[in-house]
Amino acid sequence: QLQLAESGGGLVQAGGSLRLSCAASGRTFNSAAMGWFRQAPGKEREFVAAISRNGASTSYADSVKGRFTILRDNAKSTVYLQMNSLKPEDTAVYSCAADRNALGWTVVVLPGAYDYWGQGTQVTVSS
């Protein structure tokens, strides 16, 4: 079992920064590939960023590439999403997810591959 809890969301002006955290409880965090997804009102959930079990591989959606960075600290069982140069179109509920079945170097971009999901944290970017 793995439980995920996001934090760090809030209201920020365009051009600002936020860092989201996703703390995991359970022994399997180190063996799970992790990802961040977001869902804006009236829109489908979309992939944002992913990181492999060992942290060596990452992947980003084109819309956030160069602005967002995903990191993980296995000692703290936490994955982070550093978001810089935020835009109003980044407004959404951001959720982290864990895939226990991914191989060491694999990044997972499809939401259906993930086993566990957090509740999400709201990010609102004002113009």
Foldseek 3Di string as FASTA:
>chain_A
DKAKAKDWADEEAAQAKIKMKIAIDDDQLLQWKKFKWWDAPPGDIAGAKIAFSVRPDMDGDPVQPPFWDWGDDVVRSMIMIIGGRDDQVVWTWMKMFIANPDDGGDTDGDPVRTDDIYPTDTHGYHD
